[in-house]
Amino acid sequence: MEQKETEKPKAPISDDAKKNGLIAALGYVWILCLVPLLLKRDSKFAQFHAKQGLVLFVIELVGWLIFWIPVIGWLLFIIVLVYAIMGIMNALQGNYWEMPYLGQWAKKLNI
């Protein structure tokens, strides 16, 4: 028997996401999260991703204190790297992707 795959219909990409996708993706690259935070204040899309990138950046800074611990440090590094890659990919595709666990902290930022 053949099973049909059910695909979730994708929402159309907003003009804001099309215009600011690349700069929103920069938000996940270490300190470059400040670029969309400061330069694209009028872009809801860029601000969304920049705030998540800022939370990730703060975790990276704190993580530097424990990166030298063999297992915990490596695990944190891998998690941060995966979140950054996922964030970049979703920003470039025009998606609002909330990072698991960390996205809720980003929503609370009032910058």
PDB file of N, CA and C in Angstrom:
ATOM      1  N   MET A   1       0.835  -1.180   0.000  1.00  0.00           N
ATOM      2  CA  MET A   1       0.000   0.000   0.000  1.00  0.00           C
ATOM      3  C   MET A   1       0.882   1.245   0.000  1.00  0.00           C
ATOM      4  N   GLU A   2       0.430   2.202  -0.694  1.00  0.00           N
ATOM      5  CA  GLU A   2       1.175   3.442  -0.817  1.00  0.00           C
ATOM      6  C   GLU A   2       0.611   4.477   0.147  1.00  0.00           C
ATOM      7  N   GLN A   3       1.500   5.064   0.945  1.00  0.00           N
ATOM      8  CA  GLN A   3       1.057   6.085   1.884  1.00  0.00           C
ATOM      9  C   GLN A   3       1.392   7.457   1.325  1.00  0.00           C
ATOM     10  N   LYS A   4       0.443   8.337   1.441  1.00  0.00           N
ATOM     11  CA  LYS A   4       0.673   9.703   0.983  1.00  0.00           C
ATOM     12  C   LYS A   4       1.294  10.512   2.115  1.00  0.00           C
ATOM     13  N   GLU A   5       2.296  11.266   1.748  1.00  0.00           N
ATOM     14  CA  GLU A   5       2.906  12.145   2.734  1.00  0.00           C
ATOM     15  C   GLU A   5       2.061  13.408   2.841  1.00  0.00           C
ATOM     16  N   THR A   6       1.774  13.762   4.064  1.00  0.00           N
ATOM     17  CA  THR A   6       1.020  14.994   4.265  1.00  0.00           C
ATOM     18  C   THR A   6       2.010  16.113   4.543  1.00  0.00           C
ATOM     19  N   GLU A   7       1.998  17.080   3.688  1.00  0.00           N
ATOM     20  CA  GLU A   7       2.888  18.216   3.851  1.00  0.00           C
ATOM     21  C   GLU A   7       2.112  19.381   4.433  1.00  0.00           C
ATOM     22  N   LYS A   8       2.722  19.993   5.403  1.00  0.00           N
ATOM     23  CA  LYS A   8       2.132  21.163   6.021  1.00  0.00           C
ATOM     24  C   LYS A   8       2.315  22.336   5.062  1.00  0.00           C
ATOM     25  N   PRO A   9       1.230  23.021   4.711  1.00  0.00           N
ATOM     26  CA  PRO A   9       1.385  24.147   3.790  1.00  0.00           C
ATOM     27  C   PRO A   9       2.229  25.248   4.428  1.00  0.00           C
ATOM     28  N   LYS A  10       3.159  25.763   3.647  1.00  0.00           N
ATOM     29  CA  LYS A  10       4.042  26.806   4.150  1.00  0.00           C
ATOM     30  C   LYS A  10       3.389  28.169   3.982  1.00  0.00           C
ATOM     31  N   ALA A  11       3.566  28.978   5.005  1.00  0.00           N
ATOM     32  CA  ALA A  11       3.066  30.353   4.935  1.00  0.00           C
ATOM     33  C   ALA A  11       3.940  31.128   3.958  1.00  0.00           C
ATOM     34  N   PRO A  12       3.356  32.044   3.229  1.00  0.00           N
ATOM     35  CA  PRO A  12       4.171  32.831   2.301  1.00  0.00           C
ATOM     36  C   PRO A  12       5.199  33.663   3.072  1.00  0.00           C
ATOM     37  N   ILE A  13       6.354  33.828   2.467  1.00  0.00           N
ATOM     38  CA  ILE A  13       7.422  34.593   3.099  1.00  0.00           C
ATOM     39  C   ILE A  13       7.091  36.081   2.987  1.00  0.00           C
ATOM     40  N   SER A  14       7.179  36.757   4.105  1.00  0.00           N
ATOM     41  CA  SER A  14       6.849  38.189   4.122  1.00  0.00           C
ATOM     42  C   SER A  14       7.927  38.992   3.398  1.00  0.00           C
ATOM     43  N   ASP A  15       7.552  40.187   2.993  1.00  0.00           N
ATOM     44  CA  ASP A  15       8.518  41.079   2.347  1.00  0.00           C
ATOM     45  C   ASP A  15       9.658  41.414   3.304  1.00  0.00           C
ATOM     46  N   ASP A  16       9.321  41.557   4.584  1.00  0.00           N
ATOM     47  CA  ASP A  16      10.337  41.842   5.599  1.00  0.00           C
ATOM     48  C   ASP A  16      11.369  40.717   5.650  1.00  0.00           C
ATOM     49  N   ALA A  17      10.896  39.465   5.625  1.00  0.00           N
ATOM     50  CA  ALA A  17      11.806  38.318   5.670  1.00  0.00           C
ATOM     51  C   ALA A  17      12.648  38.227   4.402  1.00  0.00           C
ATOM     52  N   LYS A  18      12.044  38.506   3.253  1.00  0.00           N
ATOM     53  CA  LYS A  18      12.798  38.471   1.995  1.00  0.00           C
ATOM     54  C   LYS A  18      13.896  39.527   1.990  1.00  0.00           C
ATOM     55  N   LYS A  19      13.542  40.707   2.450  1.00  0.00           N
ATOM     56  CA  LYS A  19      14.469  41.835   2.409  1.00  0.00           C
ATOM     57  C   LYS A  19      15.584  41.711   3.454  1.00  0.00           C
ATOM     58  N   ASN A  20      15.279  41.146   4.607  1.00  0.00           N
ATOM     59  CA  ASN A  20      16.218  41.146   5.731  1.00  0.00           C
ATOM     60  C   ASN A  20      16.704  39.765   6.151  1.00  0.00           C
ATOM     61  N   GLY A  21      16.524  38.765   5.300  1.00  0.00           N
ATOM     62  CA  GLY A  21      16.932  37.405   5.645  1.00  0.00           C
ATOM     63  C   GLY A  21      18.418  37.266   5.921  1.00  0.00           C
ATOM     64  N   LEU A  22      19.242  37.866   5.083  1.00  0.00           N
ATOM     65  CA  LEU A  22      20.692  37.742   5.244  1.00  0.00           C
ATOM     66  C   LEU A  22      21.172  38.437   6.516  1.00  0.00           C
ATOM     67  N   ILE A  23      20.682  39.622   6.758  1.00  0.00           N
ATOM     68  CA  ILE A  23      21.111  40.338   7.967  1.00  0.00           C
ATOM     69  C   ILE A  23      20.556  39.662   9.223  1.00  0.00           C
ATOM     70  N   ALA A  24      19.377  39.046   9.112  1.00  0.00           N
ATOM     71  CA  ALA A  24      18.827  38.294  10.243  1.00  0.00           C
ATOM     72  C   ALA A  24      19.696  37.079  10.537  1.00  0.00           C
ATOM     73  N   ALA A  25      20.218  36.440   9.493  1.00  0.00           N
ATOM     74  CA  ALA A  25      21.105  35.285   9.667  1.00  0.00           C
ATOM     75  C   ALA A  25      22.397  35.691  10.376  1.00  0.00           C
ATOM     76  N   LEU A  26      22.867  36.907  10.130  1.00  0.00           N
ATOM     77  CA  LEU A  26      24.069  37.400  10.820  1.00  0.00           C
ATOM     78  C   LEU A  26      23.868  37.421  12.329  1.00  0.00           C
ATOM     79  N   GLY A  27      22.631  37.530  12.755  1.00  0.00           N
ATOM     80  CA  GLY A  27      22.328  37.581  14.177  1.00  0.00           C
ATOM     81  C   GLY A  27      22.772  36.356  14.945  1.00  0.00           C
ATOM     82  N   TYR A  28      23.020  35.267  14.268  1.00  0.00           N
ATOM     83  CA  TYR A  28      23.431  34.030  14.935  1.00  0.00           C
ATOM     84  C   TYR A  28      24.942  33.835  14.931  1.00  0.00           C
ATOM     85  N   VAL A  29      25.677  34.798  14.377  1.00  0.00           N
ATOM     86  CA  VAL A  29      27.130  34.663  14.281  1.00  0.00           C
ATOM     87  C   VAL A  29      27.780  35.534  15.351  1.00  0.00           C
ATOM     88  N   TRP A  30      28.014  34.949  16.474  1.00  0.00           N
ATOM     89  CA  TRP A  30      28.708  35.526  17.613  1.00  0.00           C
ATOM     90  C   TRP A  30      28.308  36.966  17.880  1.00  0.00           C
ATOM     91  N   ILE A  31      29.215  37.905  17.901  1.00  0.00           N
ATOM     92  CA  ILE A  31      28.911  39.295  18.257  1.00  0.00           C
ATOM     93  C   ILE A  31      28.182  40.041  17.137  1.00  0.00           C
ATOM     94  N   LEU A  32      28.116  39.442  15.960  1.00  0.00           N
ATOM     95  CA  LEU A  32      27.408  40.078  14.845  1.00  0.00           C
ATOM     96  C   LEU A  32      25.908  40.187  15.099  1.00  0.00           C
ATOM     97  N   CYS A  33      25.426  39.604  16.196  1.00  0.00           N
ATOM     98  CA  CYS A  33      24.014  39.766  16.560  1.00  0.00           C
ATOM     99  C   CYS A  33      23.686  41.240  16.785  1.00  0.00           C
ATOM    100  N   LEU A  34      24.704  42.041  17.072  1.00  0.00           N
ATOM    101  CA  LEU A  34      24.483  43.471  17.294  1.00  0.00           C
ATOM    102  C   LEU A  34      24.164  44.215  16.000  1.00  0.00           C
ATOM    103  N   VAL A  35      24.604  43.679  14.860  1.00  0.00           N
ATOM    104  CA  VAL A  35      24.364  44.350  13.578  1.00  0.00           C
ATOM    105  C   VAL A  35      22.870  44.502  13.302  1.00  0.00           C
ATOM    106  N   PRO A  36      22.084  43.410  13.271  1.00  0.00           N
ATOM    107  CA  PRO A  36      20.648  43.603  13.034  1.00  0.00           C
ATOM    108  C   PRO A  36      19.941  44.304  14.200  1.00  0.00           C
ATOM    109  N   LEU A  37      20.443  44.090  15.421  1.00  0.00           N
ATOM    110  CA  LEU A  37      19.821  44.764  16.566  1.00  0.00           C
ATOM    111  C   LEU A  37      19.915  46.280  16.440  1.00  0.00           C
ATOM    112  N   LEU A  38      21.036  46.762  15.937  1.00  0.00           N
ATOM    113  CA  LEU A  38      21.247  48.208  15.853  1.00  0.00           C
ATOM    114  C   LEU A  38      20.844  48.814  14.513  1.00  0.00           C
ATOM    115  N   LEU A  39      21.040  48.068  13.421  1.00  0.00           N
ATOM    116  CA  LEU A  39      20.801  48.634  12.090  1.00  0.00           C
ATOM    117  C   LEU A  39      19.401  48.381  11.536  1.00  0.00           C
ATOM    118  N   LYS A  40      18.736  47.350  11.991  1.00  0.00           N
ATOM    119  CA  LYS A  40      17.416  46.989  11.449  1.00  0.00           C
ATOM    120  C   LYS A  40      16.345  47.029  12.534  1.00  0.00           C
ATOM    121  N   ARG A  41      16.281  48.128  13.235  1.00  0.00           N
ATOM    122  CA  ARG A  41      15.321  48.265  14.330  1.00  0.00           C
ATOM    123  C   ARG A  41      13.878  48.246  13.845  1.00  0.00           C
ATOM    124  N   ASP A  42      13.650  48.585  12.585  1.00  0.00           N
ATOM    125  CA  ASP A  42      12.295  48.614  12.033  1.00  0.00           C
ATOM    126  C   ASP A  42      11.848  47.260  11.479  1.00  0.00           C
ATOM    127  N   SER A  43      12.746  46.287  11.447  1.00  0.00           N
ATOM    128  CA  SER A  43      12.429  44.970  10.896  1.00  0.00           C
ATOM    129  C   SER A  43      12.095  43.982  12.013  1.00  0.00           C
ATOM    130  N   LYS A  44      10.842  43.591  12.079  1.00  0.00           N
ATOM    131  CA  LYS A  44      10.406  42.619  13.086  1.00  0.00           C
ATOM    132  C   LYS A  44      11.150  41.294  12.900  1.00  0.00           C
ATOM    133  N   PHE A  45      11.345  40.903  11.648  1.00  0.00           N
ATOM    134  CA  PHE A  45      12.018  39.639  11.332  1.00  0.00           C
ATOM    135  C   PHE A  45      13.478  39.665  11.793  1.00  0.00           C
ATOM    136  N   ALA A  46      14.206  40.712  11.441  1.00  0.00           N
ATOM    137  CA  ALA A  46      15.620  40.817  11.824  1.00  0.00           C
ATOM    138  C   ALA A  46      15.766  40.917  13.340  1.00  0.00           C
ATOM    139  N   GLN A  47      14.879  41.652  13.986  1.00  0.00           N
ATOM    140  CA  GLN A  47      14.933  41.786  15.440  1.00  0.00           C
ATOM    141  C   GLN A  47      14.664  40.447  16.135  1.00  0.00           C
ATOM    142  N   PHE A  48      13.700  39.682  15.612  1.00  0.00           N
ATOM    143  CA  PHE A  48      13.378  38.370  16.177  1.00  0.00           C
ATOM    144  C   PHE A  48      14.620  37.484  16.195  1.00  0.00           C
ATOM    145  N   HIS A  49      15.294  37.386  15.064  1.00  0.00           N
ATOM    146  CA  HIS A  49      16.471  36.520  14.970  1.00  0.00           C
ATOM    147  C   HIS A  49      17.667  37.106  15.716  1.00  0.00           C
ATOM    148  N   ALA A  50      17.819  38.419  15.714  1.00  0.00           N
ATOM    149  CA  ALA A  50      18.933  39.048  16.423  1.00  0.00           C
ATOM    150  C   ALA A  50      18.817  38.841  17.932  1.00  0.00           C
ATOM    151  N   LYS A  51      17.603  38.901  18.457  1.00  0.00           N
ATOM    152  CA  LYS A  51      17.409  38.684  19.893  1.00  0.00           C
ATOM    153  C   LYS A  51      17.743  37.248  20.271  1.00  0.00           C
ATOM    154  N   GLN A  52      17.361  36.305  19.428  1.00  0.00           N
ATOM    155  CA  GLN A  52      17.726  34.914  19.697  1.00  0.00           C
ATOM    156  C   GLN A  52      19.244  34.748  19.603  1.00  0.00           C
ATOM    157  N   GLY A  53      19.847  35.406  18.624  1.00  0.00           N
ATOM    158  CA  GLY A  53      21.301  35.361  18.489  1.00  0.00           C
ATOM    159  C   GLY A  53      22.003  35.969  19.689  1.00  0.00           C
ATOM    160  N   LEU A  54      21.417  37.018  20.256  1.00  0.00           N
ATOM    161  CA  LEU A  54      21.993  37.647  21.441  1.00  0.00           C
ATOM    162  C   LEU A  54      21.959  36.691  22.629  1.00  0.00           C
ATOM    163  N   VAL A  55      20.855  35.988  22.811  1.00  0.00           N
ATOM    164  CA  VAL A  55      20.764  34.994  23.888  1.00  0.00           C
ATOM    165  C   VAL A  55      21.820  33.913  23.671  1.00  0.00           C
ATOM    166  N   LEU A  56      21.969  33.459  22.450  1.00  0.00           N
ATOM    167  CA  LEU A  56      22.969  32.444  22.130  1.00  0.00           C
ATOM    168  C   LEU A  56      24.378  32.980  22.391  1.00  0.00           C
ATOM    169  N   PHE A  57      24.625  34.230  22.046  1.00  0.00           N
ATOM    170  CA  PHE A  57      25.927  34.861  22.269  1.00  0.00           C
ATOM    171  C   PHE A  57      26.258  34.923  23.759  1.00  0.00           C
ATOM    172  N   VAL A  58      25.292  35.297  24.586  1.00  0.00           N
ATOM    173  CA  VAL A  58      25.511  35.352  26.034  1.00  0.00           C
ATOM    174  C   VAL A  58      25.836  33.958  26.567  1.00  0.00           C
ATOM    175  N   ILE A  59      25.142  32.951  26.071  1.00  0.00           N
ATOM    176  CA  ILE A  59      25.428  31.578  26.493  1.00  0.00           C
ATOM    177  C   ILE A  59      26.838  31.174  26.063  1.00  0.00           C
ATOM    178  N   GLU A  60      27.257  31.606  24.878  1.00  0.00           N
ATOM    179  CA  GLU A  60      28.623  31.330  24.428  1.00  0.00           C
ATOM    180  C   GLU A  60      29.641  31.984  25.361  1.00  0.00           C
ATOM    181  N   LEU A  61      29.392  33.227  25.744  1.00  0.00           N
ATOM    182  CA  LEU A  61      30.319  33.919  26.642  1.00  0.00           C
ATOM    183  C   LEU A  61      30.423  33.206  27.986  1.00  0.00           C
ATOM    184  N   VAL A  62      29.289  32.845  28.547  1.00  0.00           N
ATOM    185  CA  VAL A  62      29.282  32.105  29.808  1.00  0.00           C
ATOM    186  C   VAL A  62      29.911  30.729  29.595  1.00  0.00           C
ATOM    187  N   GLY A  63      29.635  30.146  28.445  1.00  0.00           N
ATOM    188  CA  GLY A  63      30.173  28.829  28.127  1.00  0.00           C
ATOM    189  C   GLY A  63      31.683  28.783  28.063  1.00  0.00           C
ATOM    190  N   TRP A  64      32.296  29.903  27.718  1.00  0.00           N
ATOM    191  CA  TRP A  64      33.758  29.925  27.677  1.00  0.00           C
ATOM    192  C   TRP A  64      34.360  29.573  29.029  1.00  0.00           C
ATOM    193  N   LEU A  65      33.631  29.843  30.076  1.00  0.00           N
ATOM    194  CA  LEU A  65      34.115  29.518  31.413  1.00  0.00           C
ATOM    195  C   LEU A  65      34.125  28.013  31.663  1.00  0.00           C
ATOM    196  N   ILE A  66      33.245  27.289  30.977  1.00  0.00           N
ATOM    197  CA  ILE A  66      33.179  25.839  31.216  1.00  0.00           C
ATOM    198  C   ILE A  66      33.584  25.004  30.002  1.00  0.00           C
ATOM    199  N   PHE A  67      33.973  25.649  28.900  1.00  0.00           N
ATOM    200  CA  PHE A  67      34.384  24.884  27.721  1.00  0.00           C
ATOM    201  C   PHE A  67      35.590  23.989  28.004  1.00  0.00           C
ATOM    202  N   TRP A  68      36.394  24.348  28.958  1.00  0.00           N
ATOM    203  CA  TRP A  68      37.578  23.550  29.249  1.00  0.00           C
ATOM    204  C   TRP A  68      37.244  22.251  29.976  1.00  0.00           C
ATOM    205  N   ILE A  69      36.049  22.124  30.525  1.00  0.00           N
ATOM    206  CA  ILE A  69      35.627  20.870  31.163  1.00  0.00           C
ATOM    207  C   ILE A  69      35.301  19.887  30.044  1.00  0.00           C
ATOM    208  N   PRO A  70      36.026  18.764  29.970  1.00  0.00           N
ATOM    209  CA  PRO A  70      35.942  17.888  28.794  1.00  0.00           C
ATOM    210  C   PRO A  70      34.549  17.570  28.266  1.00  0.00           C
ATOM    211  N   VAL A  71      33.701  16.941  28.979  1.00  0.00           N
ATOM    212  CA  VAL A  71      32.431  16.501  28.413  1.00  0.00           C
ATOM    213  C   VAL A  71      31.403  17.631  28.373  1.00  0.00           C
ATOM    214  N   ILE A  72      31.264  18.352  29.455  1.00  0.00           N
ATOM    215  CA  ILE A  72      30.263  19.415  29.533  1.00  0.00           C
ATOM    216  C   ILE A  72      30.564  20.527  28.538  1.00  0.00           C
ATOM    217  N   GLY A  73      31.807  20.930  28.464  1.00  0.00           N
ATOM    218  CA  GLY A  73      32.197  21.992  27.539  1.00  0.00           C
ATOM    219  C   GLY A  73      31.963  21.616  26.093  1.00  0.00           C
ATOM    220  N   TRP A  74      32.324  20.405  25.732  1.00  0.00           N
ATOM    221  CA  TRP A  74      32.142  19.952  24.346  1.00  0.00           C
ATOM    222  C   TRP A  74      30.662  19.858  24.000  1.00  0.00           C
ATOM    223  N   LEU A  75      29.887  19.343  24.936  1.00  0.00           N
ATOM    224  CA  LEU A  75      28.450  19.219  24.707  1.00  0.00           C
ATOM    225  C   LEU A  75      27.810  20.598  24.509  1.00  0.00           C
ATOM    226  N   LEU A  76      28.183  21.558  25.342  1.00  0.00           N
ATOM    227  CA  LEU A  76      27.655  22.915  25.205  1.00  0.00           C
ATOM    228  C   LEU A  76      28.064  23.518  23.866  1.00  0.00           C
ATOM    229  N   PHE A  77      29.307  23.307  23.463  1.00  0.00           N
ATOM    230  CA  PHE A  77      29.787  23.820  22.178  1.00  0.00           C
ATOM    231  C   PHE A  77      28.958  23.253  21.027  1.00  0.00           C
ATOM    232  N   ILE A  78      28.677  21.963  21.063  1.00  0.00           N
ATOM    233  CA  ILE A  78      27.897  21.319  19.998  1.00  0.00           C
ATOM    234  C   ILE A  78      26.473  21.869  19.971  1.00  0.00           C
ATOM    235  N   ILE A  79      25.871  22.035  21.132  1.00  0.00           N
ATOM    236  CA  ILE A  79      24.504  22.565  21.202  1.00  0.00           C
ATOM    237  C   ILE A  79      24.443  23.984  20.640  1.00  0.00           C
ATOM    238  N   VAL A  80      25.386  24.826  21.032  1.00  0.00           N
ATOM    239  CA  VAL A  80      25.429  26.208  20.539  1.00  0.00           C
ATOM    240  C   VAL A  80      25.624  26.222  19.031  1.00  0.00           C
ATOM    241  N   LEU A  81      26.514  25.382  18.533  1.00  0.00           N
ATOM    242  CA  LEU A  81      26.778  25.316  17.095  1.00  0.00           C
ATOM    243  C   LEU A  81      25.534  24.874  16.320  1.00  0.00           C
ATOM    244  N   VAL A  82      24.844  23.860  16.815  1.00  0.00           N
ATOM    245  CA  VAL A  82      23.633  23.369  16.148  1.00  0.00           C
ATOM    246  C   VAL A  82      22.550  24.447  16.146  1.00  0.00           C
ATOM    247  N   TYR A  83      22.347  25.115  17.280  1.00  0.00           N
ATOM    248  CA  TYR A  83      21.357  26.196  17.339  1.00  0.00           C
ATOM    249  C   TYR A  83      21.696  27.315  16.363  1.00  0.00           C
ATOM    250  N   ALA A  84      22.979  27.672  16.291  1.00  0.00           N
ATOM    251  CA  ALA A  84      23.392  28.744  15.379  1.00  0.00           C
ATOM    252  C   ALA A  84      23.137  28.349  13.928  1.00  0.00           C
ATOM    253  N   ILE A  85      23.484  27.138  13.563  1.00  0.00           N
ATOM    254  CA  ILE A  85      23.270  26.671  12.183  1.00  0.00           C
ATOM    255  C   ILE A  85      21.784  26.625  11.854  1.00  0.00           C
ATOM    256  N   MET A  86      20.982  26.103  12.774  1.00  0.00           N
ATOM    257  CA  MET A  86      19.534  26.042  12.551  1.00  0.00           C
ATOM    258  C   MET A  86      18.942  27.449  12.422  1.00  0.00           C
ATOM    259  N   GLY A  87      19.404  28.363  13.258  1.00  0.00           N
ATOM    260  CA  GLY A  87      18.924  29.735  13.191  1.00  0.00           C
ATOM    261  C   GLY A  87      19.280  30.403  11.877  1.00  0.00           C
ATOM    262  N   ILE A  88      20.514  30.216  11.427  1.00  0.00           N
ATOM    263  CA  ILE A  88      20.955  30.790  10.152  1.00  0.00           C
ATOM    264  C   ILE A  88      20.122  30.236   9.002  1.00  0.00           C
ATOM    265  N   MET A  89      19.946  28.925   8.984  1.00  0.00           N
ATOM    266  CA  MET A  89      19.176  28.299   7.901  1.00  0.00           C
ATOM    267  C   MET A  89      17.743  28.826   7.871  1.00  0.00           C
ATOM    268  N   ASN A  90      17.115  28.912   9.020  1.00  0.00           N
ATOM    269  CA  ASN A  90      15.729  29.382   9.072  1.00  0.00           C
ATOM    270  C   ASN A  90      15.613  30.858   8.720  1.00  0.00           C
ATOM    271  N   ALA A  91      16.557  31.667   9.139  1.00  0.00           N
ATOM    272  CA  ALA A  91      16.528  33.092   8.790  1.00  0.00           C
ATOM    273  C   ALA A  91      16.676  33.268   7.285  1.00  0.00           C
ATOM    274  N   LEU A  92      17.578  32.520   6.673  1.00  0.00           N
ATOM    275  CA  LEU A  92      17.781  32.630   5.229  1.00  0.00           C
ATOM    276  C   LEU A  92      16.566  32.139   4.437  1.00  0.00           C
ATOM    277  N   GLN A  93      15.803  31.214   5.024  1.00  0.00           N
ATOM    278  CA  GLN A  93      14.603  30.695   4.364  1.00  0.00           C
ATOM    279  C   GLN A  93      13.371  31.548   4.657  1.00  0.00           C
ATOM    280  N   GLY A  94      13.528  32.562   5.500  1.00  0.00           N
ATOM    281  CA  GLY A  94      12.411  33.452   5.809  1.00  0.00           C
ATOM    282  C   GLY A  94      11.474  32.931   6.876  1.00  0.00           C
ATOM    283  N   ASN A  95      11.944  32.005   7.706  1.00  0.00           N
ATOM    284  CA  ASN A  95      11.105  31.405   8.741  1.00  0.00           C
ATOM    285  C   ASN A  95      11.345  32.042  10.102  1.00  0.00           C
ATOM    286  N   TYR A  96      10.272  32.184  10.858  1.00  0.00           N
ATOM    287  CA  TYR A  96      10.383  32.556  12.263  1.00  0.00           C
ATOM    288  C   TYR A  96      10.536  31.252  13.032  1.00  0.00           C
ATOM    289  N   TRP A  97      11.755  30.907  13.413  1.00  0.00           N
ATOM    290  CA  TRP A  97      12.019  29.664  14.132  1.00  0.00           C
ATOM    291  C   TRP A  97      12.425  30.003  15.557  1.00  0.00           C
ATOM    292  N   GLU A  98      11.649  29.528  16.505  1.00  0.00           N
ATOM    293  CA  GLU A  98      11.980  29.770  17.904  1.00  0.00           C
ATOM    294  C   GLU A  98      12.871  28.647  18.410  1.00  0.00           C
ATOM    295  N   MET A  99      14.039  29.023  18.929  1.00  0.00           N
ATOM    296  CA  MET A  99      14.972  28.031  19.455  1.00  0.00           C
ATOM    297  C   MET A  99      14.349  27.351  20.671  1.00  0.00           C
ATOM    298  N   PRO A 100      14.412  26.024  20.724  1.00  0.00           N
ATOM    299  CA  PRO A 100      13.894  25.332  21.903  1.00  0.00           C
ATOM    300  C   PRO A 100      14.607  25.820  23.172  1.00  0.00           C
ATOM    301  N   TYR A 101      13.853  26.054  24.199  1.00  0.00           N
ATOM    302  CA  TYR A 101      14.305  26.490  25.518  1.00  0.00           C
ATOM    303  C   TYR A 101      14.834  27.928  25.533  1.00  0.00           C
ATOM    304  N   LEU A 102      15.605  28.335  24.548  1.00  0.00           N
ATOM    305  CA  LEU A 102      16.229  29.657  24.547  1.00  0.00           C
ATOM    306  C   LEU A 102      15.345  30.728  23.921  1.00  0.00           C
ATOM    307  N   GLY A 103      14.466  30.334  23.027  1.00  0.00           N
ATOM    308  CA  GLY A 103      13.608  31.292  22.339  1.00  0.00           C
ATOM    309  C   GLY A 103      12.715  32.071  23.282  1.00  0.00           C
ATOM    310  N   GLN A 104      12.276  31.432  24.353  1.00  0.00           N
ATOM    311  CA  GLN A 104      11.415  32.125  25.312  1.00  0.00           C
ATOM    312  C   GLN A 104      12.168  33.237  26.041  1.00  0.00           C
ATOM    313  N   TRP A 105      13.471  33.080  26.241  1.00  0.00           N
ATOM    314  CA  TRP A 105      14.269  34.147  26.850  1.00  0.00           C
ATOM    315  C   TRP A 105      14.394  35.318  25.886  1.00  0.00           C
ATOM    316  N   ALA A 106      14.558  35.005  24.616  1.00  0.00           N
ATOM    317  CA  ALA A 106      14.698  36.054  23.600  1.00  0.00           C
ATOM    318  C   ALA A 106      13.423  36.895  23.511  1.00  0.00           C
ATOM    319  N   LYS A 107      12.267  36.265  23.677  1.00  0.00           N
ATOM    320  CA  LYS A 107      10.995  36.998  23.623  1.00  0.00           C
ATOM    321  C   LYS A 107      10.888  38.027  24.743  1.00  0.00           C
ATOM    322  N   LYS A 108      11.548  37.758  25.861  1.00  0.00           N
ATOM    323  CA  LYS A 108      11.473  38.653  27.015  1.00  0.00           C
ATOM    324  C   LYS A 108      12.389  39.862  26.881  1.00  0.00           C
ATOM    325  N   LEU A 109      13.310  39.823  25.920  1.00  0.00           N
ATOM    326  CA  LEU A 109      14.218  40.954  25.725  1.00  0.00           C
ATOM    327  C   LEU A 109      13.453  42.137  25.154  1.00  0.00           C
ATOM    328  N   ASN A 110      13.602  43.257  25.783  1.00  0.00           N
ATOM    329  CA  ASN A 110      12.944  44.476  25.317  1.00  0.00           C
ATOM    330  C   ASN A 110      14.025  45.470  24.906  1.00  0.00           C
ATOM    331  N   ILE A 111      14.554  45.243  23.730  1.00  0.00           N
ATOM    332  CA  ILE A 111      15.674  46.069  23.240  1.00  0.00           C
ATOM    333  C   ILE A 111      15.161  47.002  22.172  1.00  0.00           C
TER     334      ILE A 111
END
